[in-house]
Amino acid sequence: VQLVQSGGGLVQPGGSLRLSCEASGLPLDTYAIGWFRQVPGKEREGISCFSATHGITMYKDTVKGRFAISTDNAKNTMYLQMDSLKPEDTAVYSCAATPPEVYRKSGHYCDAVDFASWGQGTQVTVSS
């Protein structure tokens, strides 16, 4: 099982980035997927999670209307489209996936403890 991320980098405020996460060894079309981010000194936070099996799409309030999670099942790849980026979006972003029977064991919609497989993380910096 492997999740390999690409994308990220430096972008000006108001700009856009798309993060990609290609999966191998697990079927993204049946797994719950999520994107998380972390800044130094703070806990990792779930910003968007999706489960077709559970009929759930969740976004953190601070990214609603600006970020979009999606998958391309033919490529077994998940994406996070990020628009109208703000300096406070600066963080290390990680993709994650988990079997449907494990998702939401914590009772939450986008909790890192529920996710079994992780990408390597990529830095996103929003700055002028």
Foldseek 3Di string as FASTA:
>chain_A
DAWAKDKADEAAAQAKIKIKIADDPDQPLQKKKFKWWDDPPDDIDTAWIDGPVVRDTDGDPVQPPFWDWDDDRVRNMIMIIGGSDDQVVWTWMKMFIAHPVQACPVVDNGDPVSTDYIYPTDTHGHHD
